[in-house]
Amino acid sequence: MNDIVPRKSITSYATQAAGGIIGGIILMSLRDLRFLPALIVGAIIGLAGYGISRSRDDRTVGLIIGGAGILTIFAGIPILGGLAGFLMVVSGIGLIASGAVSLFRFFKGLRSRQ
């Protein structure tokens, strides 16, 4: 039976898909930054994640963004760069996969509304 998916769920899936895919691409591209740019960009991302995590609804998203900021800082440190870079690629692939699942749910929800 095809139940109609609520509009709020569909827009949530679209937002999660865009955030996951774009965030994964950005995370994978930040792994090659040198020390000072990695420190600055990582601090900005970490502070943005902290600001977002203060909201009860967005706590998980904020913690993920904060973790990405910390990984960006660690990727700029020569000794830790290899491990942090690897974790950034794995996390980026996970975000892209999560975004793809949300994109599938978005199109499935749109289809049920027709």
N, C-alpha and C. Protein backbone atom coordinates (compact mmCIF):
# COMPACT_ATOMS: atom_id res chain seq x y z
N MET A 1 0.83 -1.17 0.00
CA MET A 1 0.00 0.00 0.00
C MET A 1 0.88 1.23 0.00
N ASN A 2 0.55 2.21 -0.82
CA ASN A 2 1.32 3.44 -0.89
C ASN A 2 0.73 4.49 0.04
N ASP A 3 1.39 4.74 1.15
CA ASP A 3 0.97 5.81 2.04
C ASP A 3 1.66 7.09 1.59
N ILE A 4 0.96 8.19 1.75
CA ILE A 4 1.53 9.48 1.38
C ILE A 4 2.51 9.91 2.47
N VAL A 5 3.73 10.23 2.05
CA VAL A 5 4.78 10.68 2.97
C VAL A 5 4.54 12.15 3.26
N PRO A 6 4.57 12.56 4.53
CA PRO A 6 4.34 13.97 4.86
C PRO A 6 5.41 14.88 4.25
N ARG A 7 4.98 16.10 3.94
CA ARG A 7 5.87 17.08 3.32
C ARG A 7 7.10 17.36 4.19
N LYS A 8 6.91 17.39 5.50
CA LYS A 8 8.02 17.67 6.42
C LYS A 8 9.10 16.59 6.30
N SER A 9 8.70 15.34 6.15
CA SER A 9 9.67 14.25 5.99
C SER A 9 10.42 14.37 4.68
N ILE A 10 9.70 14.74 3.63
CA ILE A 10 10.33 14.86 2.32
C ILE A 10 11.37 15.97 2.33
N THR A 11 11.03 17.12 2.92
CA THR A 11 12.01 18.21 2.97
C THR A 11 13.18 17.84 3.87
N SER A 12 12.94 17.07 4.92
CA SER A 12 14.02 16.61 5.79
C SER A 12 14.96 15.69 5.03
N TYR A 13 14.42 14.79 4.23
CA TYR A 13 15.26 13.90 3.42
C TYR A 13 16.09 14.69 2.42
N ALA A 14 15.49 15.71 1.80
CA ALA A 14 16.23 16.51 0.83
C ALA A 14 17.36 17.27 1.50
N THR A 15 17.11 17.83 2.67
CA THR A 15 18.15 18.55 3.40
C THR A 15 19.27 17.62 3.83
N GLN A 16 18.91 16.44 4.33
CA GLN A 16 19.92 15.47 4.75
C GLN A 16 20.74 14.99 3.56
N ALA A 17 20.10 14.82 2.41
CA ALA A 17 20.82 14.37 1.21
C ALA A 17 21.82 15.42 0.77
N ALA A 18 21.39 16.67 0.70
CA ALA A 18 22.31 17.73 0.27
C ALA A 18 23.44 17.90 1.27
N GLY A 19 23.13 17.90 2.55
CA GLY A 19 24.16 18.06 3.57
C GLY A 19 25.15 16.92 3.57
N GLY A 20 24.67 15.70 3.42
CA GLY A 20 25.55 14.54 3.42
C GLY A 20 26.48 14.50 2.22
N ILE A 21 25.93 14.72 1.05
CA ILE A 21 26.74 14.65 -0.17
C ILE A 21 27.74 15.80 -0.23
N ILE A 22 27.28 17.02 0.01
CA ILE A 22 28.18 18.18 -0.03
C ILE A 22 29.19 18.12 1.11
N GLY A 23 28.74 17.75 2.30
CA GLY A 23 29.65 17.64 3.44
C GLY A 23 30.72 16.59 3.23
N GLY A 24 30.37 15.47 2.64
CA GLY A 24 31.35 14.42 2.35
C GLY A 24 32.41 14.87 1.36
N ILE A 25 31.98 15.57 0.33
CA ILE A 25 32.93 16.08 -0.67
C ILE A 25 33.86 17.10 -0.04
N ILE A 26 33.31 18.01 0.75
CA ILE A 26 34.14 19.03 1.41
C ILE A 26 35.11 18.38 2.39
N LEU A 27 34.64 17.42 3.16
CA LEU A 27 35.50 16.76 4.15
C LEU A 27 36.68 16.07 3.47
N MET A 28 36.42 15.40 2.36
CA MET A 28 37.51 14.72 1.66
C MET A 28 38.48 15.71 1.03
N SER A 29 38.00 16.88 0.63
CA SER A 29 38.90 17.85 0.01
C SER A 29 39.73 18.61 1.05
N LEU A 30 39.31 18.66 2.31
CA LEU A 30 40.05 19.38 3.34
C LEU A 30 41.24 18.60 3.89
N ARG A 31 41.38 17.35 3.55
CA ARG A 31 42.45 16.55 4.13
C ARG A 31 43.84 16.93 3.64
N ASP A 32 43.94 17.68 2.55
CA ASP A 32 45.23 18.03 1.98
C ASP A 32 45.73 19.41 2.39
N LEU A 33 45.08 20.05 3.34
CA LEU A 33 45.52 21.37 3.79
C LEU A 33 46.81 21.26 4.60
N ARG A 34 47.65 22.29 4.51
CA ARG A 34 48.87 22.35 5.31
C ARG A 34 48.54 22.80 6.72
N PHE A 35 49.56 22.92 7.59
CA PHE A 35 49.35 23.13 9.01
C PHE A 35 48.53 24.38 9.34
N LEU A 36 48.99 25.56 8.93
CA LEU A 36 48.30 26.80 9.32
C LEU A 36 46.90 26.90 8.73
N PRO A 37 46.72 26.66 7.42
CA PRO A 37 45.33 26.69 6.91
C PRO A 37 44.44 25.62 7.55
N ALA A 38 45.01 24.45 7.83
CA ALA A 38 44.22 23.39 8.48
C ALA A 38 43.81 23.81 9.88
N LEU A 39 44.71 24.48 10.58
CA LEU A 39 44.40 24.96 11.93
C LEU A 39 43.28 26.00 11.91
N ILE A 40 43.36 26.94 10.98
CA ILE A 40 42.35 28.01 10.89
C ILE A 40 41.00 27.44 10.45
N VAL A 41 41.00 26.67 9.36
CA VAL A 41 39.74 26.12 8.84
C VAL A 41 39.13 25.14 9.84
N GLY A 42 39.97 24.30 10.44
CA GLY A 42 39.47 23.34 11.43
C GLY A 42 38.86 24.02 12.64
N ALA A 43 39.50 25.12 13.09
CA ALA A 43 38.95 25.86 14.23
C ALA A 43 37.61 26.49 13.88
N ILE A 44 37.50 27.03 12.69
CA ILE A 44 36.23 27.64 12.26
C ILE A 44 35.13 26.57 12.18
N ILE A 45 35.46 25.43 11.59
CA ILE A 45 34.47 24.35 11.48
C ILE A 45 34.09 23.82 12.86
N GLY A 46 35.08 23.66 13.74
CA GLY A 46 34.80 23.18 15.09
C GLY A 46 33.92 24.13 15.88
N LEU A 47 34.20 25.43 15.77
CA LEU A 47 33.36 26.41 16.47
C LEU A 47 31.95 26.46 15.89
N ALA A 48 31.84 26.31 14.58
CA ALA A 48 30.50 26.26 13.96
C ALA A 48 29.74 25.04 14.47
N GLY A 49 30.42 23.91 14.56
CA GLY A 49 29.78 22.70 15.09
C GLY A 49 29.34 22.87 16.53
N TYR A 50 30.18 23.55 17.33
CA TYR A 50 29.82 23.81 18.72
C TYR A 50 28.58 24.71 18.79
N GLY A 51 28.54 25.72 17.94
CA GLY A 51 27.38 26.62 17.92
C GLY A 51 26.11 25.91 17.52
N ILE A 52 26.21 25.00 16.56
CA ILE A 52 25.04 24.26 16.10
C ILE A 52 24.60 23.26 17.17
N SER A 53 25.55 22.65 17.87
CA SER A 53 25.21 21.60 18.84
C SER A 53 24.51 22.14 20.08
N ARG A 54 24.50 23.43 20.26
CA ARG A 54 23.81 23.99 21.43
C ARG A 54 22.29 23.85 21.31
N SER A 55 21.79 23.73 20.09
CA SER A 55 20.36 23.51 19.87
C SER A 55 20.05 22.03 20.13
N ARG A 56 19.00 21.76 20.84
CA ARG A 56 18.65 20.38 21.18
C ARG A 56 18.35 19.54 19.94
N ASP A 57 17.70 20.12 18.95
CA ASP A 57 17.34 19.37 17.74
C ASP A 57 18.54 19.04 16.87
N ASP A 58 19.54 19.90 16.87
CA ASP A 58 20.69 19.75 15.98
C ASP A 58 21.95 19.29 16.70
N ARG A 59 21.82 18.67 17.84
CA ARG A 59 22.99 18.28 18.64
C ARG A 59 23.88 17.28 17.89
N THR A 60 23.29 16.26 17.28
CA THR A 60 24.08 15.25 16.58
C THR A 60 24.81 15.84 15.40
N VAL A 61 24.12 16.66 14.63
CA VAL A 61 24.74 17.31 13.47
C VAL A 61 25.89 18.20 13.92
N GLY A 62 25.68 18.93 14.99
CA GLY A 62 26.73 19.81 15.50
C GLY A 62 27.95 19.05 15.97
N LEU A 63 27.74 17.91 16.62
CA LEU A 63 28.86 17.10 17.06
C LEU A 63 29.63 16.50 15.89
N ILE A 64 28.93 16.12 14.84
CA ILE A 64 29.59 15.61 13.64
C ILE A 64 30.42 16.70 12.98
N ILE A 65 29.87 17.89 12.90
CA ILE A 65 30.61 19.02 12.32
C ILE A 65 31.82 19.37 13.19
N GLY A 66 31.64 19.36 14.50
CA GLY A 66 32.77 19.62 15.40
C GLY A 66 33.87 18.58 15.24
N GLY A 67 33.48 17.32 15.11
CA GLY A 67 34.45 16.26 14.88
C GLY A 67 35.20 16.43 13.57
N ALA A 68 34.48 16.90 12.55
CA ALA A 68 35.14 17.17 11.27
C ALA A 68 36.16 18.30 11.41
N GLY A 69 35.85 19.29 12.23
CA GLY A 69 36.80 20.37 12.48
C GLY A 69 38.05 19.87 13.19
N ILE A 70 37.86 19.01 14.17
CA ILE A 70 39.01 18.45 14.89
C ILE A 70 39.85 17.58 13.96
N LEU A 71 39.21 16.78 13.12
CA LEU A 71 39.95 15.96 12.16
C LEU A 71 40.72 16.84 11.17
N THR A 72 40.14 17.96 10.78
CA THR A 72 40.83 18.88 9.87
C THR A 72 42.09 19.44 10.52
N ILE A 73 41.99 19.79 11.78
CA ILE A 73 43.18 20.28 12.50
C ILE A 73 44.23 19.18 12.57
N PHE A 74 43.84 17.97 12.94
CA PHE A 74 44.78 16.86 13.05
C PHE A 74 45.40 16.50 11.70
N ALA A 75 44.64 16.65 10.62
CA ALA A 75 45.17 16.33 9.29
C ALA A 75 46.30 17.27 8.89
N GLY A 76 46.32 18.49 9.44
CA GLY A 76 47.39 19.44 9.14
C GLY A 76 48.66 19.18 9.90
N ILE A 77 48.62 18.38 10.96
CA ILE A 77 49.81 18.06 11.74
C ILE A 77 50.53 16.92 11.02
N PRO A 78 51.81 17.13 10.67
CA PRO A 78 52.52 16.12 9.86
C PRO A 78 52.53 14.71 10.45
N ILE A 79 52.69 14.57 11.76
CA ILE A 79 52.78 13.24 12.36
C ILE A 79 51.43 12.53 12.34
N LEU A 80 50.36 13.27 12.57
CA LEU A 80 49.02 12.68 12.63
C LEU A 80 48.27 12.76 11.31
N GLY A 81 48.85 13.44 10.32
CA GLY A 81 48.15 13.72 9.07
C GLY A 81 47.69 12.49 8.32
N GLY A 82 48.50 11.43 8.31
CA GLY A 82 48.12 10.23 7.57
C GLY A 82 46.89 9.56 8.13
N LEU A 83 46.88 9.38 9.44
CA LEU A 83 45.73 8.73 10.08
C LEU A 83 44.48 9.60 9.99
N ALA A 84 44.65 10.89 10.27
CA ALA A 84 43.50 11.80 10.21
C ALA A 84 42.97 11.92 8.78
N GLY A 85 43.89 11.96 7.81
CA GLY A 85 43.46 12.01 6.40
C GLY A 85 42.68 10.78 6.01
N PHE A 86 43.13 9.61 6.47
CA PHE A 86 42.41 8.38 6.20
C PHE A 86 41.02 8.42 6.83
N LEU A 87 40.93 8.87 8.08
CA LEU A 87 39.63 8.96 8.75
C LEU A 87 38.71 9.96 8.05
N MET A 88 39.30 11.03 7.49
CA MET A 88 38.48 12.00 6.77
C MET A 88 37.91 11.41 5.49
N VAL A 89 38.70 10.60 4.80
CA VAL A 89 38.20 9.95 3.58
C VAL A 89 37.10 8.96 3.93
N VAL A 90 37.32 8.16 4.95
CA VAL A 90 36.30 7.18 5.36
C VAL A 90 35.02 7.90 5.80
N SER A 91 35.18 8.98 6.58
CA SER A 91 34.01 9.75 7.02
C SER A 91 33.31 10.41 5.85
N GLY A 92 34.08 10.92 4.90
CA GLY A 92 33.49 11.54 3.71
C GLY A 92 32.69 10.55 2.90
N ILE A 93 33.23 9.35 2.74
CA ILE A 93 32.50 8.30 2.01
C ILE A 93 31.22 7.93 2.76
N GLY A 94 31.31 7.86 4.10
CA GLY A 94 30.12 7.57 4.90
C GLY A 94 29.06 8.65 4.76
N LEU A 95 29.49 9.93 4.75
CA LEU A 95 28.53 11.02 4.58
C LEU A 95 27.88 10.98 3.20
N ILE A 96 28.67 10.70 2.18
CA ILE A 96 28.12 10.61 0.82
C ILE A 96 27.12 9.45 0.74
N ALA A 97 27.45 8.30 1.34
CA ALA A 97 26.53 7.16 1.33
C ALA A 97 25.24 7.50 2.09
N SER A 98 25.38 8.17 3.22
CA SER A 98 24.21 8.59 3.98
C SER A 98 23.36 9.57 3.18
N GLY A 99 24.01 10.48 2.48
CA GLY A 99 23.29 11.42 1.63
C GLY A 99 22.58 10.72 0.48
N ALA A 100 23.21 9.68 -0.06
CA ALA A 100 22.59 8.94 -1.15
C ALA A 100 21.34 8.20 -0.67
N VAL A 101 21.40 7.64 0.53
CA VAL A 101 20.22 6.96 1.10
C VAL A 101 19.09 7.97 1.31
N SER A 102 19.43 9.15 1.83
CA SER A 102 18.41 10.19 2.03
C SER A 102 17.85 10.67 0.70
N LEU A 103 18.70 10.73 -0.32
CA LEU A 103 18.22 11.13 -1.65
C LEU A 103 17.25 10.09 -2.21
N PHE A 104 17.55 8.82 -1.99
CA PHE A 104 16.65 7.75 -2.41
C PHE A 104 15.31 7.87 -1.68
N ARG A 105 15.35 8.13 -0.36
CA ARG A 105 14.11 8.29 0.40
C ARG A 105 13.33 9.51 -0.07
N PHE A 106 14.05 10.57 -0.44
CA PHE A 106 13.40 11.77 -0.95
C PHE A 106 12.62 11.46 -2.22
N PHE A 107 13.27 10.81 -3.18
CA PHE A 107 12.58 10.49 -4.43
C PHE A 107 11.46 9.47 -4.22
N LYS A 108 11.64 8.55 -3.30
CA LYS A 108 10.59 7.59 -2.98
C LYS A 108 9.38 8.31 -2.36
N GLY A 109 9.65 9.30 -1.48
CA GLY A 109 8.58 10.07 -0.90
C GLY A 109 7.85 10.92 -1.91
N LEU A 110 8.61 11.51 -2.85
CA LEU A 110 7.97 12.29 -3.91
C LEU A 110 7.07 11.42 -4.76
N ARG A 111 7.55 10.23 -5.04
CA ARG A 111 6.81 9.31 -5.87
C ARG A 111 5.47 8.92 -5.20
N SER A 112 5.49 8.77 -3.87
CA SER A 112 4.29 8.36 -3.15
C SER A 112 3.24 9.48 -3.12
N ARG A 113 3.65 10.70 -3.34
CA ARG A 113 2.72 11.82 -3.30
C ARG A 113 1.99 12.01 -4.63
N GLN A 114 2.42 11.32 -5.67
CA GLN A 114 1.77 11.48 -6.98
C GLN A 114 0.59 10.58 -7.14
